[in-house]
Amino acid sequence: MDLKIKNVDPKDIYVIDKEIEQINKKNHTKISRSKFLRDLIKKYSEQKIKNKLNNISNGENFKQ
């Protein structure tokens, strides 16, 4: 399954990449952006995802 997302703010991509970087450091793994987003989509509705991204960009920790 290909995941294609359009009209994404570059700020959101930066936030996602930073979160992935923290996860990879913490767990000593290499999760991809695609896998991260797929897991997130499975877990949350679209609105909840937007809220989580806003919370992350406002400095709050992301909890999976």
PDB file of N, CA and C in Angstrom:
ATOM      1  N   MET A   1       0.843  -1.177   0.000  1.00  0.00           N
ATOM      2  CA  MET A   1       0.000   0.000   0.000  1.00  0.00           C
ATOM      3  C   MET A   1       0.888   1.240   0.000  1.00  0.00           C
ATOM      4  N   ASP A   2       0.689   2.095  -0.995  1.00  0.00           N
ATOM      5  CA  ASP A   2       1.412   3.353  -1.046  1.00  0.00           C
ATOM      6  C   ASP A   2       0.635   4.403  -0.278  1.00  0.00           C
ATOM      7  N   LEU A   3       1.368   5.201   0.431  1.00  0.00           N
ATOM      8  CA  LEU A   3       0.773   6.268   1.218  1.00  0.00           C
ATOM      9  C   LEU A   3       1.129   7.586   0.552  1.00  0.00           C
ATOM     10  N   LYS A   4       0.136   8.286   0.040  1.00  0.00           N
ATOM     11  CA  LYS A   4       0.373   9.558  -0.633  1.00  0.00           C
ATOM     12  C   LYS A   4      -0.409  10.638   0.089  1.00  0.00           C
ATOM     13  N   ILE A   5       0.313  11.626   0.547  1.00  0.00           N
ATOM     14  CA  ILE A   5      -0.302  12.728   1.272  1.00  0.00           C
ATOM     15  C   ILE A   5       0.038  14.004   0.520  1.00  0.00           C
ATOM     16  N   LYS A   6      -0.970  14.808   0.255  1.00  0.00           N
ATOM     17  CA  LYS A   6      -0.763  16.041  -0.503  1.00  0.00           C
ATOM     18  C   LYS A   6      -1.041  17.247   0.379  1.00  0.00           C
ATOM     19  N   ASN A   7      -0.466  18.367  -0.029  1.00  0.00           N
ATOM     20  CA  ASN A   7      -0.698  19.653   0.638  1.00  0.00           C
ATOM     21  C   ASN A   7      -0.335  19.607   2.122  1.00  0.00           C
ATOM     22  N   VAL A   8       0.838  19.107   2.401  1.00  0.00           N
ATOM     23  CA  VAL A   8       1.306  19.021   3.780  1.00  0.00           C
ATOM     24  C   VAL A   8       2.249  20.187   4.045  1.00  0.00           C
ATOM     25  N   ASP A   9       2.032  20.841   5.139  1.00  0.00           N
ATOM     26  CA  ASP A   9       2.886  21.949   5.540  1.00  0.00           C
ATOM     27  C   ASP A   9       4.288  21.412   5.840  1.00  0.00           C
ATOM     28  N   PRO A  10       5.337  22.040   5.302  1.00  0.00           N
ATOM     29  CA  PRO A  10       6.704  21.587   5.584  1.00  0.00           C
ATOM     30  C   PRO A  10       7.026  21.557   7.080  1.00  0.00           C
ATOM     31  N   LYS A  11       6.367  22.417   7.834  1.00  0.00           N
ATOM     32  CA  LYS A  11       6.549  22.425   9.290  1.00  0.00           C
ATOM     33  C   LYS A  11       6.108  21.084   9.887  1.00  0.00           C
ATOM     34  N   ASP A  12       5.016  20.531   9.367  1.00  0.00           N
ATOM     35  CA  ASP A  12       4.524  19.242   9.851  1.00  0.00           C
ATOM     36  C   ASP A  12       5.498  18.118   9.510  1.00  0.00           C
ATOM     37  N   ILE A  13       6.081  18.170   8.321  1.00  0.00           N
ATOM     38  CA  ILE A  13       7.070  17.164   7.926  1.00  0.00           C
ATOM     39  C   ILE A  13       8.277  17.232   8.853  1.00  0.00           C
ATOM     40  N   TYR A  14       8.708  18.445   9.159  1.00  0.00           N
ATOM     41  CA  TYR A  14       9.839  18.627  10.069  1.00  0.00           C
ATOM     42  C   TYR A  14       9.521  18.034  11.443  1.00  0.00           C
ATOM     43  N   VAL A  15       8.325  18.302  11.928  1.00  0.00           N
ATOM     44  CA  VAL A  15       7.901  17.787  13.238  1.00  0.00           C
ATOM     45  C   VAL A  15       7.867  16.261  13.224  1.00  0.00           C
ATOM     46  N   ILE A  16       7.331  15.691  12.168  1.00  0.00           N
ATOM     47  CA  ILE A  16       7.276  14.233  12.041  1.00  0.00           C
ATOM     48  C   ILE A  16       8.681  13.652  12.025  1.00  0.00           C
ATOM     49  N   ASP A  17       9.565  14.257  11.246  1.00  0.00           N
ATOM     50  CA  ASP A  17      10.939  13.760  11.160  1.00  0.00           C
ATOM     51  C   ASP A  17      11.659  13.841  12.507  1.00  0.00           C
ATOM     52  N   LYS A  18      11.431  14.905  13.250  1.00  0.00           N
ATOM     53  CA  LYS A  18      12.049  15.030  14.579  1.00  0.00           C
ATOM     54  C   LYS A  18      11.513  13.967  15.530  1.00  0.00           C
ATOM     55  N   GLU A  19      10.227  13.695  15.465  1.00  0.00           N
ATOM     56  CA  GLU A  19       9.633  12.671  16.322  1.00  0.00           C
ATOM     57  C   GLU A  19      10.189  11.295  15.975  1.00  0.00           C
ATOM     58  N   ILE A  20      10.317  11.019  14.681  1.00  0.00           N
ATOM     59  CA  ILE A  20      10.887   9.743  14.240  1.00  0.00           C
ATOM     60  C   ILE A  20      12.330   9.622  14.712  1.00  0.00           C
ATOM     61  N   GLU A  21      13.061  10.717  14.632  1.00  0.00           N
ATOM     62  CA  GLU A  21      14.452  10.722  15.097  1.00  0.00           C
ATOM     63  C   GLU A  21      14.533  10.368  16.583  1.00  0.00           C
ATOM     64  N   GLN A  22      13.635  10.934  17.384  1.00  0.00           N
ATOM     65  CA  GLN A  22      13.615  10.635  18.819  1.00  0.00           C
ATOM     66  C   GLN A  22      13.255   9.176  19.075  1.00  0.00           C
ATOM     67  N   ILE A  23      12.281   8.661  18.344  1.00  0.00           N
ATOM     68  CA  ILE A  23      11.885   7.257  18.498  1.00  0.00           C
ATOM     69  C   ILE A  23      13.047   6.349  18.134  1.00  0.00           C
ATOM     70  N   ASN A  24      13.711   6.655  17.032  1.00  0.00           N
ATOM     71  CA  ASN A  24      14.840   5.835  16.590  1.00  0.00           C
ATOM     72  C   ASN A  24      15.977   5.854  17.606  1.00  0.00           C
ATOM     73  N   LYS A  25      16.237   7.023  18.199  1.00  0.00           N
ATOM     74  CA  LYS A  25      17.291   7.125  19.215  1.00  0.00           C
ATOM     75  C   LYS A  25      16.921   6.331  20.463  1.00  0.00           C
ATOM     76  N   LYS A  26      15.684   6.504  20.896  1.00  0.00           N
ATOM     77  CA  LYS A  26      15.215   5.879  22.134  1.00  0.00           C
ATOM     78  C   LYS A  26      15.199   4.359  22.024  1.00  0.00           C
ATOM     79  N   ASN A  27      14.726   3.850  20.896  1.00  0.00           N
ATOM     80  CA  ASN A  27      14.556   2.409  20.732  1.00  0.00           C
ATOM     81  C   ASN A  27      15.675   1.746  19.954  1.00  0.00           C
ATOM     82  N   HIS A  28      16.658   2.532  19.522  1.00  0.00           N
ATOM     83  CA  HIS A  28      17.774   1.999  18.726  1.00  0.00           C
ATOM     84  C   HIS A  28      17.262   1.238  17.515  1.00  0.00           C
ATOM     85  N   THR A  29      16.233   1.794  16.873  1.00  0.00           N
ATOM     86  CA  THR A  29      15.658   1.184  15.672  1.00  0.00           C
ATOM     87  C   THR A  29      15.697   2.200  14.544  1.00  0.00           C
ATOM     88  N   LYS A  30      15.299   1.752  13.380  1.00  0.00           N
ATOM     89  CA  LYS A  30      15.214   2.646  12.230  1.00  0.00           C
ATOM     90  C   LYS A  30      13.815   2.552  11.643  1.00  0.00           C
ATOM     91  N   ILE A  31      12.897   3.329  12.196  1.00  0.00           N
ATOM     92  CA  ILE A  31      11.535   3.370  11.676  1.00  0.00           C
ATOM     93  C   ILE A  31      11.500   4.418  10.558  1.00  0.00           C
ATOM     94  N   SER A  32      10.814   4.125   9.492  1.00  0.00           N
ATOM     95  CA  SER A  32      10.712   5.063   8.376  1.00  0.00           C
ATOM     96  C   SER A  32       9.531   6.007   8.591  1.00  0.00           C
ATOM     97  N   ARG A  33       9.554   7.104   7.861  1.00  0.00           N
ATOM     98  CA  ARG A  33       8.444   8.053   7.927  1.00  0.00           C
ATOM     99  C   ARG A  33       7.159   7.360   7.488  1.00  0.00           C
ATOM    100  N   SER A  34       7.251   6.555   6.449  1.00  0.00           N
ATOM    101  CA  SER A  34       6.082   5.855   5.930  1.00  0.00           C
ATOM    102  C   SER A  34       5.481   4.917   6.979  1.00  0.00           C
ATOM    103  N   LYS A  35       6.323   4.137   7.637  1.00  0.00           N
ATOM    104  CA  LYS A  35       5.836   3.218   8.673  1.00  0.00           C
ATOM    105  C   LYS A  35       5.237   3.998   9.840  1.00  0.00           C
ATOM    106  N   PHE A  36       5.900   5.069  10.231  1.00  0.00           N
ATOM    107  CA  PHE A  36       5.404   5.909  11.315  1.00  0.00           C
ATOM    108  C   PHE A  36       4.003   6.425  10.992  1.00  0.00           C
ATOM    109  N   LEU A  37       3.823   6.935   9.774  1.00  0.00           N
ATOM    110  CA  LEU A  37       2.522   7.476   9.384  1.00  0.00           C
ATOM    111  C   LEU A  37       1.461   6.392   9.266  1.00  0.00           C
ATOM    112  N   ARG A  38       1.833   5.243   8.742  1.00  0.00           N
ATOM    113  CA  ARG A  38       0.867   4.136   8.656  1.00  0.00           C
ATOM    114  C   ARG A  38       0.386   3.721  10.041  1.00  0.00           C
ATOM    115  N   ASP A  39       1.327   3.582  10.964  1.00  0.00           N
ATOM    116  CA  ASP A  39       0.962   3.212  12.334  1.00  0.00           C
ATOM    117  C   ASP A  39       0.070   4.273  12.970  1.00  0.00           C
ATOM    118  N   LEU A  40       0.394   5.525  12.702  1.00  0.00           N
ATOM    119  CA  LEU A  40      -0.384   6.627  13.255  1.00  0.00           C
ATOM    120  C   LEU A  40      -1.801   6.635  12.691  1.00  0.00           C
ATOM    121  N   ILE A  41      -1.921   6.400  11.396  1.00  0.00           N
ATOM    122  CA  ILE A  41      -3.235   6.382  10.754  1.00  0.00           C
ATOM    123  C   ILE A  41      -4.081   5.231  11.280  1.00  0.00           C
ATOM    124  N   LYS A  42      -3.468   4.111  11.513  1.00  0.00           N
ATOM    125  CA  LYS A  42      -4.211   2.975  12.060  1.00  0.00           C
ATOM    126  C   LYS A  42      -4.756   3.286  13.446  1.00  0.00           C
ATOM    127  N   LYS A  43      -4.004   4.081  14.185  1.00  0.00           N
ATOM    128  CA  LYS A  43      -4.340   4.319  15.578  1.00  0.00           C
ATOM    129  C   LYS A  43      -5.305   5.495  15.786  1.00  0.00           C
ATOM    130  N   TYR A  44      -5.209   6.492  14.947  1.00  0.00           N
ATOM    131  CA  TYR A  44      -5.975   7.716  15.173  1.00  0.00           C
ATOM    132  C   TYR A  44      -6.792   8.111  13.951  1.00  0.00           C
ATOM    133  N   SER A  45      -7.853   8.815  14.196  1.00  0.00           N
ATOM    134  CA  SER A  45      -8.622   9.398  13.094  1.00  0.00           C
ATOM    135  C   SER A  45      -7.859  10.611  12.558  1.00  0.00           C
ATOM    136  N   GLU A  46      -8.260  11.107  11.422  1.00  0.00           N
ATOM    137  CA  GLU A  46      -7.577  12.242  10.796  1.00  0.00           C
ATOM    138  C   GLU A  46      -7.518  13.456  11.721  1.00  0.00           C
ATOM    139  N   GLN A  47      -8.606  13.767  12.387  1.00  0.00           N
ATOM    140  CA  GLN A  47      -8.623  14.933  13.264  1.00  0.00           C
ATOM    141  C   GLN A  47      -7.678  14.755  14.444  1.00  0.00           C
ATOM    142  N   LYS A  48      -7.651  13.567  15.001  1.00  0.00           N
ATOM    143  CA  LYS A  48      -6.745  13.313  16.112  1.00  0.00           C
ATOM    144  C   LYS A  48      -5.299  13.440  15.664  1.00  0.00           C
ATOM    145  N   ILE A  49      -4.998  13.017  14.431  1.00  0.00           N
ATOM    146  CA  ILE A  49      -3.640  13.146  13.906  1.00  0.00           C
ATOM    147  C   ILE A  49      -3.262  14.622  13.820  1.00  0.00           C
ATOM    148  N   LYS A  50      -4.168  15.445  13.294  1.00  0.00           N
ATOM    149  CA  LYS A  50      -3.885  16.880  13.198  1.00  0.00           C
ATOM    150  C   LYS A  50      -3.663  17.481  14.578  1.00  0.00           C
ATOM    151  N   ASN A  51      -4.466  17.068  15.547  1.00  0.00           N
ATOM    152  CA  ASN A  51      -4.297  17.567  16.911  1.00  0.00           C
ATOM    153  C   ASN A  51      -2.950  17.151  17.485  1.00  0.00           C
ATOM    154  N   LYS A  52      -2.552  15.897  17.241  1.00  0.00           N
ATOM    155  CA  LYS A  52      -1.264  15.420  17.741  1.00  0.00           C
ATOM    156  C   LYS A  52      -0.125  16.212  17.111  1.00  0.00           C
ATOM    157  N   LEU A  53      -0.197  16.463  15.805  1.00  0.00           N
ATOM    158  CA  LEU A  53       0.847  17.237  15.136  1.00  0.00           C
ATOM    159  C   LEU A  53       0.914  18.654  15.690  1.00  0.00           C
ATOM    160  N   ASN A  54      -0.244  19.241  15.951  1.00  0.00           N
ATOM    161  CA  ASN A  54      -0.261  20.579  16.539  1.00  0.00           C
ATOM    162  C   ASN A  54       0.349  20.566  17.934  1.00  0.00           C
ATOM    163  N   ASN A  55       0.040  19.550  18.715  1.00  0.00           N
ATOM    164  CA  ASN A  55       0.600  19.444  20.059  1.00  0.00           C
ATOM    165  C   ASN A  55       2.114  19.285  20.008  1.00  0.00           C
ATOM    166  N   ILE A  56       2.586  18.466  19.079  1.00  0.00           N
ATOM    167  CA  ILE A  56       4.027  18.259  18.943  1.00  0.00           C
ATOM    168  C   ILE A  56       4.698  19.569  18.559  1.00  0.00           C
ATOM    169  N   SER A  57       4.127  20.266  17.583  1.00  0.00           N
ATOM    170  CA  SER A  57       4.746  21.508  17.121  1.00  0.00           C
ATOM    171  C   SER A  57       4.684  22.595  18.193  1.00  0.00           C
ATOM    172  N   ASN A  58       3.791  22.439  19.163  1.00  0.00           N
ATOM    173  CA  ASN A  58       3.715  23.387  20.274  1.00  0.00           C
ATOM    174  C   ASN A  58       4.580  22.962  21.455  1.00  0.00           C
ATOM    175  N   GLY A  59       5.378  21.913  21.269  1.00  0.00           N
ATOM    176  CA  GLY A  59       6.325  21.521  22.297  1.00  0.00           C
ATOM    177  C   GLY A  59       5.872  20.419  23.221  1.00  0.00           C
ATOM    178  N   GLU A  60       4.695  19.876  23.025  1.00  0.00           N
ATOM    179  CA  GLU A  60       4.236  18.784  23.875  1.00  0.00           C
ATOM    180  C   GLU A  60       4.816  17.473  23.374  1.00  0.00           C
ATOM    181  N   ASN A  61       4.990  16.525  24.263  1.00  0.00           N
ATOM    182  CA  ASN A  61       5.516  15.213  23.877  1.00  0.00           C
ATOM    183  C   ASN A  61       4.457  14.402  23.167  1.00  0.00           C
ATOM    184  N   PHE A  62       4.902  13.611  22.219  1.00  0.00           N
ATOM    185  CA  PHE A  62       4.012  12.721  21.478  1.00  0.00           C
ATOM    186  C   PHE A  62       4.037  11.370  22.150  1.00  0.00           C
ATOM    187  N   LYS A  63       2.875  10.818  22.407  1.00  0.00           N
ATOM    188  CA  LYS A  63       2.805   9.503  23.043  1.00  0.00           C
ATOM    189  C   LYS A  63       2.072   8.558  22.124  1.00  0.00           C
ATOM    190  N   GLN A  64       2.732   7.448  21.785  1.00  0.00           N
ATOM    191  CA  GLN A  64       2.107   6.453  20.925  1.00  0.00           C
ATOM    192  C   GLN A  64       1.327   5.478  21.747  1.00  0.00           C
TER     193      GLN A  64
END
